[in-house]
Amino acid sequence: MNQLTWSSIVTLVYKNSAGLYHPIPGNIADDYIKAGIYKEPSRKFPHTHTKPLRNPKFARYLLDNDITLAKELGIKDMK
């Protein structure tokens, strides 16, 4: 399956003082999260914004929108 690993996702998100993960403003993960309908992270579910980044749809979005970063993160084009 062509998707990001946790170590790659950590480069696209930050953890705030409450322990909640948010995408770094201005990067491609932030654009992807804003384009989708995702709930804000809460103390009970701090990884709400990291889960969509772990699926193959985000890998495809990354390949279509920023091929250089996709290759850096180890995503291969499977067309």
PDB file of N, CA and C in Angstrom:
ATOM      1  N   MET A   1       0.851  -1.182   0.000  1.00  0.00           N
ATOM      2  CA  MET A   1       0.000   0.000   0.000  1.00  0.00           C
ATOM      3  C   MET A   1       0.891   1.238   0.000  1.00  0.00           C
ATOM      4  N   ASN A   2       0.517   2.221  -0.747  1.00  0.00           N
ATOM      5  CA  ASN A   2       1.310   3.427  -0.915  1.00  0.00           C
ATOM      6  C   ASN A   2       0.788   4.520   0.022  1.00  0.00           C
ATOM      7  N   GLN A   3       1.363   4.605   1.216  1.00  0.00           N
ATOM      8  CA  GLN A   3       0.938   5.616   2.179  1.00  0.00           C
ATOM      9  C   GLN A   3       2.122   6.053   3.026  1.00  0.00           C
ATOM     10  N   LEU A   4       1.939   7.130   3.760  1.00  0.00           N
ATOM     11  CA  LEU A   4       3.012   7.670   4.582  1.00  0.00           C
ATOM     12  C   LEU A   4       3.190   6.878   5.869  1.00  0.00           C
ATOM     13  N   THR A   5       4.412   6.852   6.337  1.00  0.00           N
ATOM     14  CA  THR A   5       4.703   6.250   7.637  1.00  0.00           C
ATOM     15  C   THR A   5       4.557   7.321   8.712  1.00  0.00           C
ATOM     16  N   TRP A   6       4.494   6.885   9.958  1.00  0.00           N
ATOM     17  CA  TRP A   6       4.351   7.844  11.061  1.00  0.00           C
ATOM     18  C   TRP A   6       5.536   8.811  11.094  1.00  0.00           C
ATOM     19  N   SER A   7       6.747   8.331  10.821  1.00  0.00           N
ATOM     20  CA  SER A   7       7.914   9.219  10.851  1.00  0.00           C
ATOM     21  C   SER A   7       7.831  10.306   9.776  1.00  0.00           C
ATOM     22  N   SER A   8       7.172  10.019   8.665  1.00  0.00           N
ATOM     23  CA  SER A   8       6.962  11.037   7.627  1.00  0.00           C
ATOM     24  C   SER A   8       5.870  12.022   8.027  1.00  0.00           C
ATOM     25  N   ILE A   9       4.831  11.520   8.656  1.00  0.00           N
ATOM     26  CA  ILE A   9       3.724  12.378   9.073  1.00  0.00           C
ATOM     27  C   ILE A   9       4.177  13.385  10.119  1.00  0.00           C
ATOM     28  N   VAL A  10       5.086  12.980  10.983  1.00  0.00           N
ATOM     29  CA  VAL A  10       5.576  13.869  12.035  1.00  0.00           C
ATOM     30  C   VAL A  10       6.247  15.109  11.451  1.00  0.00           C
ATOM     31  N   THR A  11       6.757  15.027  10.232  1.00  0.00           N
ATOM     32  CA  THR A  11       7.373  16.196   9.597  1.00  0.00           C
ATOM     33  C   THR A  11       6.331  17.175   9.074  1.00  0.00           C
ATOM     34  N   LEU A  12       5.067  16.747   8.982  1.00  0.00           N
ATOM     35  CA  LEU A  12       3.996  17.586   8.439  1.00  0.00           C
ATOM     36  C   LEU A  12       3.068  18.159   9.505  1.00  0.00           C
ATOM     37  N   VAL A  13       3.208  17.703  10.748  1.00  0.00           N
ATOM     38  CA  VAL A  13       2.326  18.143  11.833  1.00  0.00           C
ATOM     39  C   VAL A  13       3.147  18.623  13.023  1.00  0.00           C
ATOM     40  N   TYR A  14       2.476  19.311  13.931  1.00  0.00           N
ATOM     41  CA  TYR A  14       3.118  19.690  15.193  1.00  0.00           C
ATOM     42  C   TYR A  14       2.187  19.320  16.334  1.00  0.00           C
ATOM     43  N   LYS A  15       2.764  19.146  17.496  1.00  0.00           N
ATOM     44  CA  LYS A  15       2.004  18.792  18.692  1.00  0.00           C
ATOM     45  C   LYS A  15       1.974  20.017  19.591  1.00  0.00           C
ATOM     46  N   ASN A  16       0.768  20.498  19.918  1.00  0.00           N
ATOM     47  CA  ASN A  16       0.682  21.696  20.751  1.00  0.00           C
ATOM     48  C   ASN A  16       0.839  21.341  22.232  1.00  0.00           C
ATOM     49  N   SER A  17       0.764  22.338  23.107  1.00  0.00           N
ATOM     50  CA  SER A  17       1.008  22.117  24.530  1.00  0.00           C
ATOM     51  C   SER A  17      -0.040  21.211  25.172  1.00  0.00           C
ATOM     52  N   ALA A  18      -1.207  21.081  24.557  1.00  0.00           N
ATOM     53  CA  ALA A  18      -2.249  20.192  25.082  1.00  0.00           C
ATOM     54  C   ALA A  18      -2.093  18.763  24.561  1.00  0.00           C
ATOM     55  N   GLY A  19      -1.089  18.528  23.696  1.00  0.00           N
ATOM     56  CA  GLY A  19      -0.847  17.195  23.165  1.00  0.00           C
ATOM     57  C   GLY A  19      -1.676  16.867  21.931  1.00  0.00           C
ATOM     58  N   LEU A  20      -2.245  17.883  21.297  1.00  0.00           N
ATOM     59  CA  LEU A  20      -3.071  17.683  20.109  1.00  0.00           C
ATOM     60  C   LEU A  20      -2.232  17.907  18.856  1.00  0.00           C
ATOM     61  N   TYR A  21      -2.430  17.072  17.852  1.00  0.00           N
ATOM     62  CA  TYR A  21      -1.679  17.184  16.610  1.00  0.00           C
ATOM     63  C   TYR A  21      -2.444  18.026  15.595  1.00  0.00           C
ATOM     64  N   HIS A  22      -1.753  19.008  15.016  1.00  0.00           N
ATOM     65  CA  HIS A  22      -2.311  19.883  13.992  1.00  0.00           C
ATOM     66  C   HIS A  22      -1.323  19.943  12.831  1.00  0.00           C
ATOM     67  N   PRO A  23      -1.804  20.116  11.588  1.00  0.00           N
ATOM     68  CA  PRO A  23      -0.870  20.279  10.470  1.00  0.00           C
ATOM     69  C   PRO A  23      -0.144  21.614  10.588  1.00  0.00           C
ATOM     70  N   ILE A  24       1.084  21.629  10.162  1.00  0.00           N
ATOM     71  CA  ILE A  24       1.873  22.863  10.179  1.00  0.00           C
ATOM     72  C   ILE A  24       1.229  23.836   9.187  1.00  0.00           C
ATOM     73  N   PRO A  25       0.908  25.049   9.628  1.00  0.00           N
ATOM     74  CA  PRO A  25       0.245  26.016   8.735  1.00  0.00           C
ATOM     75  C   PRO A  25       1.065  26.290   7.473  1.00  0.00           C
ATOM     76  N   GLY A  26       0.375  26.296   6.350  1.00  0.00           N
ATOM     77  CA  GLY A  26       1.015  26.631   5.082  1.00  0.00           C
ATOM     78  C   GLY A  26       1.585  25.456   4.316  1.00  0.00           C
ATOM     79  N   ASN A  27       1.614  24.258   4.892  1.00  0.00           N
ATOM     80  CA  ASN A  27       2.150  23.140   4.114  1.00  0.00           C
ATOM     81  C   ASN A  27       1.019  22.357   3.461  1.00  0.00           C
ATOM     82  N   ILE A  28       1.351  21.362   2.692  1.00  0.00           N
ATOM     83  CA  ILE A  28       0.358  20.623   1.910  1.00  0.00           C
ATOM     84  C   ILE A  28      -0.609  19.843   2.793  1.00  0.00           C
ATOM     85  N   ALA A  29      -0.154  19.381   3.951  1.00  0.00           N
ATOM     86  CA  ALA A  29      -1.045  18.672   4.867  1.00  0.00           C
ATOM     87  C   ALA A  29      -2.121  19.614   5.398  1.00  0.00           C
ATOM     88  N   ASP A  30      -1.764  20.853   5.653  1.00  0.00           N
ATOM     89  CA  ASP A  30      -2.721  21.853   6.119  1.00  0.00           C
ATOM     90  C   ASP A  30      -3.783  22.099   5.047  1.00  0.00           C
ATOM     91  N   ASP A  31      -3.356  22.207   3.798  1.00  0.00           N
ATOM     92  CA  ASP A  31      -4.297  22.397   2.688  1.00  0.00           C
ATOM     93  C   ASP A  31      -5.258  21.209   2.580  1.00  0.00           C
ATOM     94  N   TYR A  32      -4.724  19.991   2.722  1.00  0.00           N
ATOM     95  CA  TYR A  32      -5.532  18.777   2.615  1.00  0.00           C
ATOM     96  C   TYR A  32      -6.562  18.698   3.743  1.00  0.00           C
ATOM     97  N   ILE A  33      -6.152  19.005   4.956  1.00  0.00           N
ATOM     98  CA  ILE A  33      -7.062  18.965   6.104  1.00  0.00           C
ATOM     99  C   ILE A  33      -8.146  20.034   5.959  1.00  0.00           C
ATOM    100  N   LYS A  34      -7.768  21.219   5.520  1.00  0.00           N
ATOM    101  CA  LYS A  34      -8.753  22.300   5.348  1.00  0.00           C
ATOM    102  C   LYS A  34      -9.751  21.980   4.237  1.00  0.00           C
ATOM    103  N   ALA A  35      -9.318  21.270   3.205  1.00  0.00           N
ATOM    104  CA  ALA A  35     -10.200  20.930   2.094  1.00  0.00           C
ATOM    105  C   ALA A  35     -11.211  19.848   2.475  1.00  0.00           C
ATOM    106  N   GLY A  36     -10.850  19.002   3.422  1.00  0.00           N
ATOM    107  CA  GLY A  36     -11.756  17.944   3.861  1.00  0.00           C
ATOM    108  C   GLY A  36     -12.611  18.402   5.022  1.00  0.00           C
ATOM    109  N   ILE A  37     -13.510  17.535   5.432  1.00  0.00           N
ATOM    110  CA  ILE A  37     -14.373  17.853   6.571  1.00  0.00           C
ATOM    111  C   ILE A  37     -13.904  16.984   7.730  1.00  0.00           C
ATOM    112  N   TYR A  38     -12.976  17.505   8.513  1.00  0.00           N
ATOM    113  CA  TYR A  38     -12.418  16.772   9.639  1.00  0.00           C
ATOM    114  C   TYR A  38     -12.671  17.543  10.920  1.00  0.00           C
ATOM    115  N   LYS A  39     -13.044  16.822  11.969  1.00  0.00           N
ATOM    116  CA  LYS A  39     -13.268  17.454  13.264  1.00  0.00           C
ATOM    117  C   LYS A  39     -11.942  17.954  13.818  1.00  0.00           C
ATOM    118  N   GLU A  40     -12.035  18.934  14.696  1.00  0.00           N
ATOM    119  CA  GLU A  40     -10.840  19.425  15.376  1.00  0.00           C
ATOM    120  C   GLU A  40     -10.386  18.375  16.390  1.00  0.00           C
ATOM    121  N   PRO A  41      -9.083  18.246  16.613  1.00  0.00           N
ATOM    122  CA  PRO A  41      -8.602  17.304  17.620  1.00  0.00           C
ATOM    123  C   PRO A  41      -9.112  17.683  19.009  1.00  0.00           C
ATOM    124  N   SER A  42      -9.282  16.689  19.843  1.00  0.00           N
ATOM    125  CA  SER A  42      -9.691  16.922  21.228  1.00  0.00           C
ATOM    126  C   SER A  42      -8.781  16.096  22.126  1.00  0.00           C
ATOM    127  N   ARG A  43      -8.862  16.307  23.412  1.00  0.00           N
ATOM    128  CA  ARG A  43      -8.021  15.530  24.327  1.00  0.00           C
ATOM    129  C   ARG A  43      -8.296  14.038  24.203  1.00  0.00           C
ATOM    130  N   LYS A  44      -9.529  13.685  23.931  1.00  0.00           N
ATOM    131  CA  LYS A  44      -9.889  12.276  23.788  1.00  0.00           C
ATOM    132  C   LYS A  44      -9.367  11.698  22.465  1.00  0.00           C
ATOM    133  N   PHE A  45      -9.347  12.512  21.422  1.00  0.00           N
ATOM    134  CA  PHE A  45      -8.893  12.077  20.097  1.00  0.00           C
ATOM    135  C   PHE A  45      -7.836  13.042  19.559  1.00  0.00           C
ATOM    136  N   PRO A  46      -6.602  12.993  20.084  1.00  0.00           N
ATOM    137  CA  PRO A  46      -5.566  13.956  19.672  1.00  0.00           C
ATOM    138  C   PRO A  46      -5.035  13.746  18.252  1.00  0.00           C
ATOM    139  N   HIS A  47      -5.245  12.561  17.692  1.00  0.00           N
ATOM    140  CA  HIS A  47      -4.695  12.244  16.361  1.00  0.00           C
ATOM    141  C   HIS A  47      -5.690  12.452  15.229  1.00  0.00           C
ATOM    142  N   THR A  48      -6.760  13.204  15.472  1.00  0.00           N
ATOM    143  CA  THR A  48      -7.803  13.408  14.468  1.00  0.00           C
ATOM    144  C   THR A  48      -7.238  13.905  13.143  1.00  0.00           C
ATOM    145  N   HIS A  49      -6.261  14.783  13.160  1.00  0.00           N
ATOM    146  CA  HIS A  49      -5.710  15.323  11.916  1.00  0.00           C
ATOM    147  C   HIS A  49      -4.581  14.484  11.341  1.00  0.00           C
ATOM    148  N   THR A  50      -4.068  13.505  12.070  1.00  0.00           N
ATOM    149  CA  THR A  50      -3.018  12.662  11.503  1.00  0.00           C
ATOM    150  C   THR A  50      -3.598  11.452  10.781  1.00  0.00           C
ATOM    151  N   LYS A  51      -4.765  11.003  11.170  1.00  0.00           N
ATOM    152  CA  LYS A  51      -5.360   9.819  10.525  1.00  0.00           C
ATOM    153  C   LYS A  51      -5.595  10.004   9.029  1.00  0.00           C
ATOM    154  N   PRO A  52      -6.152  11.147   8.582  1.00  0.00           N
ATOM    155  CA  PRO A  52      -6.339  11.297   7.127  1.00  0.00           C
ATOM    156  C   PRO A  52      -5.012  11.334   6.356  1.00  0.00           C
ATOM    157  N   LEU A  53      -3.933  11.696   7.021  1.00  0.00           N
ATOM    158  CA  LEU A  53      -2.631  11.763   6.350  1.00  0.00           C
ATOM    159  C   LEU A  53      -2.012  10.383   6.184  1.00  0.00           C
ATOM    160  N   ARG A  54      -2.551   9.379   6.871  1.00  0.00           N
ATOM    161  CA  ARG A  54      -2.017   8.020   6.802  1.00  0.00           C
ATOM    162  C   ARG A  54      -2.707   7.158   5.758  1.00  0.00           C
ATOM    163  N   ASN A  55      -3.643   7.691   5.003  1.00  0.00           N
ATOM    164  CA  ASN A  55      -4.339   6.839   4.035  1.00  0.00           C
ATOM    165  C   ASN A  55      -3.803   7.051   2.623  1.00  0.00           C
ATOM    166  N   PRO A  56      -4.060   6.108   1.732  1.00  0.00           N
ATOM    167  CA  PRO A  56      -3.569   6.212   0.354  1.00  0.00           C
ATOM    168  C   PRO A  56      -4.116   7.419  -0.414  1.00  0.00           C
ATOM    169  N   LYS A  57      -5.289   7.936  -0.025  1.00  0.00           N
ATOM    170  CA  LYS A  57      -5.828   9.114  -0.704  1.00  0.00           C
ATOM    171  C   LYS A  57      -4.913  10.321  -0.518  1.00  0.00           C
ATOM    172  N   PHE A  58      -4.327  10.471   0.665  1.00  0.00           N
ATOM    173  CA  PHE A  58      -3.399  11.587   0.877  1.00  0.00           C
ATOM    174  C   PHE A  58      -2.120  11.367   0.076  1.00  0.00           C
ATOM    175  N   ALA A  59      -1.662  10.126  -0.019  1.00  0.00           N
ATOM    176  CA  ALA A  59      -0.475   9.840  -0.827  1.00  0.00           C
ATOM    177  C   ALA A  59      -0.711  10.235  -2.285  1.00  0.00           C
ATOM    178  N   ARG A  60      -1.894   9.928  -2.800  1.00  0.00           N
ATOM    179  CA  ARG A  60      -2.240  10.307  -4.172  1.00  0.00           C
ATOM    180  C   ARG A  60      -2.310  11.828  -4.296  1.00  0.00           C
ATOM    181  N   TYR A  61      -2.929  12.503  -3.311  1.00  0.00           N
ATOM    182  CA  TYR A  61      -3.018  13.967  -3.295  1.00  0.00           C
ATOM    183  C   TYR A  61      -1.616  14.579  -3.291  1.00  0.00           C
ATOM    184  N   LEU A  62      -0.733  13.993  -2.516  1.00  0.00           N
ATOM    185  CA  LEU A  62       0.645  14.472  -2.431  1.00  0.00           C
ATOM    186  C   LEU A  62       1.354  14.310  -3.768  1.00  0.00           C
ATOM    187  N   LEU A  63       1.181  13.166  -4.411  1.00  0.00           N
ATOM    188  CA  LEU A  63       1.792  12.946  -5.725  1.00  0.00           C
ATOM    189  C   LEU A  63       1.259  13.922  -6.765  1.00  0.00           C
ATOM    190  N   ASP A  64      -0.027  14.214  -6.706  1.00  0.00           N
ATOM    191  CA  ASP A  64      -0.635  15.110  -7.686  1.00  0.00           C
ATOM    192  C   ASP A  64      -0.272  16.576  -7.464  1.00  0.00           C
ATOM    193  N   ASN A  65       0.018  16.957  -6.219  1.00  0.00           N
ATOM    194  CA  ASN A  65       0.218  18.372  -5.906  1.00  0.00           C
ATOM    195  C   ASN A  65       1.643  18.772  -5.540  1.00  0.00           C
ATOM    196  N   ASP A  66       2.454  17.843  -5.068  1.00  0.00           N
ATOM    197  CA  ASP A  66       3.840  18.168  -4.703  1.00  0.00           C
ATOM    198  C   ASP A  66       4.702  16.921  -4.852  1.00  0.00           C
ATOM    199  N   ILE A  67       5.063  16.615  -6.090  1.00  0.00           N
ATOM    200  CA  ILE A  67       5.796  15.386  -6.380  1.00  0.00           C
ATOM    201  C   ILE A  67       7.161  15.344  -5.703  1.00  0.00           C
ATOM    202  N   THR A  68       7.800  16.503  -5.548  1.00  0.00           N
ATOM    203  CA  THR A  68       9.111  16.553  -4.910  1.00  0.00           C
ATOM    204  C   THR A  68       9.014  16.097  -3.455  1.00  0.00           C
ATOM    205  N   LEU A  69       8.070  16.629  -2.723  1.00  0.00           N
ATOM    206  CA  LEU A  69       7.874  16.225  -1.326  1.00  0.00           C
ATOM    207  C   LEU A  69       7.451  14.763  -1.248  1.00  0.00           C
ATOM    208  N   ALA A  70       6.601  14.322  -2.165  1.00  0.00           N
ATOM    209  CA  ALA A  70       6.166  12.925  -2.172  1.00  0.00           C
ATOM    210  C   ALA A  70       7.362  11.987  -2.311  1.00  0.00           C
ATOM    211  N   LYS A  71       8.268  12.309  -3.211  1.00  0.00           N
ATOM    212  CA  LYS A  71       9.458  11.471  -3.387  1.00  0.00           C
ATOM    213  C   LYS A  71      10.364  11.529  -2.165  1.00  0.00           C
ATOM    214  N   GLU A  72      10.471  12.711  -1.550  1.00  0.00           N
ATOM    215  CA  GLU A  72      11.263  12.846  -0.324  1.00  0.00           C
ATOM    216  C   GLU A  72      10.714  11.948   0.785  1.00  0.00           C
ATOM    217  N   LEU A  73       9.399  11.849   0.851  1.00  0.00           N
ATOM    218  CA  LEU A  73       8.752  11.059   1.903  1.00  0.00           C
ATOM    219  C   LEU A  73       8.602   9.587   1.532  1.00  0.00           C
ATOM    220  N   GLY A  74       9.092   9.198   0.368  1.00  0.00           N
ATOM    221  CA  GLY A  74       9.102   7.793  -0.028  1.00  0.00           C
ATOM    222  C   GLY A  74       7.854   7.300  -0.731  1.00  0.00           C
ATOM    223  N   ILE A  75       7.034   8.192  -1.239  1.00  0.00           N
ATOM    224  CA  ILE A  75       5.831   7.799  -1.977  1.00  0.00           C
ATOM    225  C   ILE A  75       6.217   7.580  -3.433  1.00  0.00           C
ATOM    226  N   LYS A  76       5.858   6.423  -3.972  1.00  0.00           N
ATOM    227  CA  LYS A  76       6.183   6.109  -5.356  1.00  0.00           C
ATOM    228  C   LYS A  76       4.920   6.220  -6.204  1.00  0.00           C
ATOM    229  N   ASP A  77       5.086   6.702  -7.411  1.00  0.00           N
ATOM    230  CA  ASP A  77       3.960   6.817  -8.330  1.00  0.00           C
ATOM    231  C   ASP A  77       3.620   5.424  -8.856  1.00  0.00           C
ATOM    232  N   MET A  78       2.376   5.007  -8.620  1.00  0.00           N
ATOM    233  CA  MET A  78       1.951   3.658  -8.995  1.00  0.00           C
ATOM    234  C   MET A  78       0.987   3.688 -10.189  1.00  0.00           C
ATOM    235  N   LYS A  79       1.104   4.669 -11.070  1.00  0.00           N
ATOM    236  CA  LYS A  79       0.181   4.783 -12.218  1.00  0.00           C
ATOM    237  C   LYS A  79       0.381   3.676 -13.207  1.00  0.00           C
TER     238      LYS A  79
END
